[in-house]
């Protein structure tokens, strides 16, 4: 099983799909105070997962111009590239 960490996100996979999860700290229950993974989605292709990650980050950002969106997308792309290169090294 693959496990790639990109900032606050984790990409894992099984034999059928890629899974995008977000790191969170449990607020209550038996795991209170511990880091947990909240599943964002399941994707058949890695490119679809990365696209969803970019869309999620853009929607949650406070960018106010196309240039800022472009910079954010490039930043996310660079983080993904670094994580994938690190994983294959």
C-alpha atoms as a PDB file:
ATOM      1  CA  UNK A   1       0.000   0.000   0.000  1.00  0.00           C
ATOM      2  CA  UNK A   2       1.232   3.438  -0.921  1.00  0.00           C
ATOM      3  CA  UNK A   3       1.326   6.280   1.621  1.00  0.00           C
ATOM      4  CA  UNK A   4       2.402   9.768   0.537  1.00  0.00           C
ATOM      5  CA  UNK A   5       2.144  12.796   2.820  1.00  0.00           C
ATOM      6  CA  UNK A   6       1.610  16.226   1.257  1.00  0.00           C
ATOM      7  CA  UNK A   7       1.299  18.893   3.906  1.00  0.00           C
ATOM      8  CA  UNK A   8      -1.956  18.276   5.771  1.00  0.00           C
ATOM      9  CA  UNK A   9      -3.017  15.564   3.324  1.00  0.00           C
ATOM     10  CA  UNK A  10      -2.202  11.873   2.926  1.00  0.00           C
ATOM     11  CA  UNK A  11      -2.551   9.837  -0.253  1.00  0.00           C
ATOM     12  CA  UNK A  12      -2.951   6.099   0.193  1.00  0.00           C
ATOM     13  CA  UNK A  13      -4.034   3.356  -2.164  1.00  0.00           C
ATOM     14  CA  UNK A  14      -5.367  -0.134  -2.298  1.00  0.00           C
ATOM     15  CA  UNK A  15      -5.643  -2.475  -5.252  1.00  0.00           C
ATOM     16  CA  UNK A  16      -8.619  -0.574  -6.692  1.00  0.00           C
ATOM     17  CA  UNK A  17      -8.229   3.131  -5.945  1.00  0.00           C
ATOM     18  CA  UNK A  18      -6.319   6.101  -4.591  1.00  0.00           C
ATOM     19  CA  UNK A  19      -7.603   7.633  -1.349  1.00  0.00           C
ATOM     20  CA  UNK A  20      -7.194  11.275  -0.339  1.00  0.00           C
ATOM     21  CA  UNK A  21      -7.392  11.979   3.395  1.00  0.00           C
ATOM     22  CA  UNK A  22      -6.837  15.043   5.541  1.00  0.00           C
ATOM     23  CA  UNK A  23      -4.927  14.989   8.827  1.00  0.00           C
ATOM     24  CA  UNK A  24      -7.060  16.167  11.742  1.00  0.00           C
ATOM     25  CA  UNK A  25      -6.868  16.149  15.524  1.00  0.00           C
ATOM     26  CA  UNK A  26      -9.764  14.242  17.124  1.00  0.00           C
ATOM     27  CA  UNK A  27     -11.805  16.559  19.355  1.00  0.00           C
ATOM     28  CA  UNK A  28     -13.622  13.873  21.337  1.00  0.00           C
ATOM     29  CA  UNK A  29     -14.016  10.149  21.759  1.00  0.00           C
ATOM     30  CA  UNK A  30     -11.381   7.529  22.435  1.00  0.00           C
ATOM     31  CA  UNK A  31      -8.900   9.204  20.062  1.00  0.00           C
ATOM     32  CA  UNK A  32      -9.306  12.706  21.526  1.00  0.00           C
ATOM     33  CA  UNK A  33      -6.158  14.758  20.983  1.00  0.00           C
ATOM     34  CA  UNK A  34      -4.659  12.247  18.563  1.00  0.00           C
ATOM     35  CA  UNK A  35      -4.034  12.751  14.869  1.00  0.00           C
ATOM     36  CA  UNK A  36      -6.587  10.964  12.696  1.00  0.00           C
ATOM     37  CA  UNK A  37      -7.265  10.806   8.964  1.00  0.00           C
ATOM     38  CA  UNK A  38     -10.563  12.060   7.556  1.00  0.00           C
ATOM     39  CA  UNK A  39     -11.268  10.618   4.114  1.00  0.00           C
ATOM     40  CA  UNK A  40     -11.980  13.254   1.477  1.00  0.00           C
ATOM     41  CA  UNK A  41     -12.525  10.954  -1.476  1.00  0.00           C
ATOM     42  CA  UNK A  42     -11.727   7.863  -3.501  1.00  0.00           C
ATOM     43  CA  UNK A  43     -10.283   8.162  -7.010  1.00  0.00           C
ATOM     44  CA  UNK A  44      -9.556   5.682  -9.791  1.00  0.00           C
ATOM     45  CA  UNK A  45      -6.751   7.833 -11.190  1.00  0.00           C
ATOM     46  CA  UNK A  46      -4.012   9.713  -9.361  1.00  0.00           C
ATOM     47  CA  UNK A  47      -4.524  12.709 -11.663  1.00  0.00           C
ATOM     48  CA  UNK A  48      -8.165  12.976 -10.511  1.00  0.00           C
ATOM     49  CA  UNK A  49      -7.039  12.910  -6.881  1.00  0.00           C
ATOM     50  CA  UNK A  50      -4.522  15.710  -7.448  1.00  0.00           C
ATOM     51  CA  UNK A  51      -7.154  17.744  -9.291  1.00  0.00           C
ATOM     52  CA  UNK A  52      -9.541  17.320  -6.326  1.00  0.00           C
ATOM     53  CA  UNK A  53      -6.775  18.357  -3.927  1.00  0.00           C
ATOM     54  CA  UNK A  54      -6.136  21.536  -5.935  1.00  0.00           C
ATOM     55  CA  UNK A  55      -9.849  22.392  -6.145  1.00  0.00           C
ATOM     56  CA  UNK A  56     -10.293  21.848  -2.390  1.00  0.00           C
ATOM     57  CA  UNK A  57      -7.352  24.083  -1.507  1.00  0.00           C
ATOM     58  CA  UNK A  58      -8.429  26.826  -3.940  1.00  0.00           C
ATOM     59  CA  UNK A  59     -11.984  26.815  -2.571  1.00  0.00           C
ATOM     60  CA  UNK A  60     -10.738  27.029   1.016  1.00  0.00           C
ATOM     61  CA  UNK A  61      -8.244  29.795   0.282  1.00  0.00           C
ATOM     62  CA  UNK A  62      -8.782  33.519   0.491  1.00  0.00           C
ATOM     63  CA  UNK A  63      -7.170  34.359  -2.856  1.00  0.00           C
ATOM     64  CA  UNK A  64      -8.485  37.471  -4.550  1.00  0.00           C
ATOM     65  CA  UNK A  65      -6.929  37.385  -8.015  1.00  0.00           C
ATOM     66  CA  UNK A  66      -6.140  35.023 -10.857  1.00  0.00           C
ATOM     67  CA  UNK A  67      -2.439  35.537 -10.181  1.00  0.00           C
ATOM     68  CA  UNK A  68      -2.941  34.406  -6.576  1.00  0.00           C
ATOM     69  CA  UNK A  69      -4.860  31.331  -7.749  1.00  0.00           C
ATOM     70  CA  UNK A  70      -2.060  30.550 -10.194  1.00  0.00           C
ATOM     71  CA  UNK A  71       0.548  30.876  -7.432  1.00  0.00           C
ATOM     72  CA  UNK A  72      -1.506  28.640  -5.117  1.00  0.00           C
ATOM     73  CA  UNK A  73      -1.906  25.974  -7.800  1.00  0.00           C
ATOM     74  CA  UNK A  74       1.838  26.058  -8.550  1.00  0.00           C
ATOM     75  CA  UNK A  75       2.586  25.734  -4.836  1.00  0.00           C
ATOM     76  CA  UNK A  76       0.310  22.701  -4.519  1.00  0.00           C
ATOM     77  CA  UNK A  77       1.858  21.206  -7.658  1.00  0.00           C
ATOM     78  CA  UNK A  78       5.359  21.681  -6.264  1.00  0.00           C
ATOM     79  CA  UNK A  79       4.369  20.016  -2.971  1.00  0.00           C
ATOM     80  CA  UNK A  80       2.882  17.059  -4.862  1.00  0.00           C
ATOM     81  CA  UNK A  81       5.947  16.756  -7.077  1.00  0.00           C
ATOM     82  CA  UNK A  82       8.321  16.876  -4.091  1.00  0.00           C
ATOM     83  CA  UNK A  83       6.316  14.240  -2.226  1.00  0.00           C
ATOM     84  CA  UNK A  84       6.175  11.922  -5.245  1.00  0.00           C
ATOM     85  CA  UNK A  85       9.902  12.314  -5.961  1.00  0.00           C
ATOM     86  CA  UNK A  86      10.665  11.627  -2.290  1.00  0.00           C
ATOM     87  CA  UNK A  87       8.439   8.526  -2.393  1.00  0.00           C
ATOM     88  CA  UNK A  88      10.157   7.077  -5.472  1.00  0.00           C
ATOM     89  CA  UNK A  89      13.694   7.817  -4.231  1.00  0.00           C
END
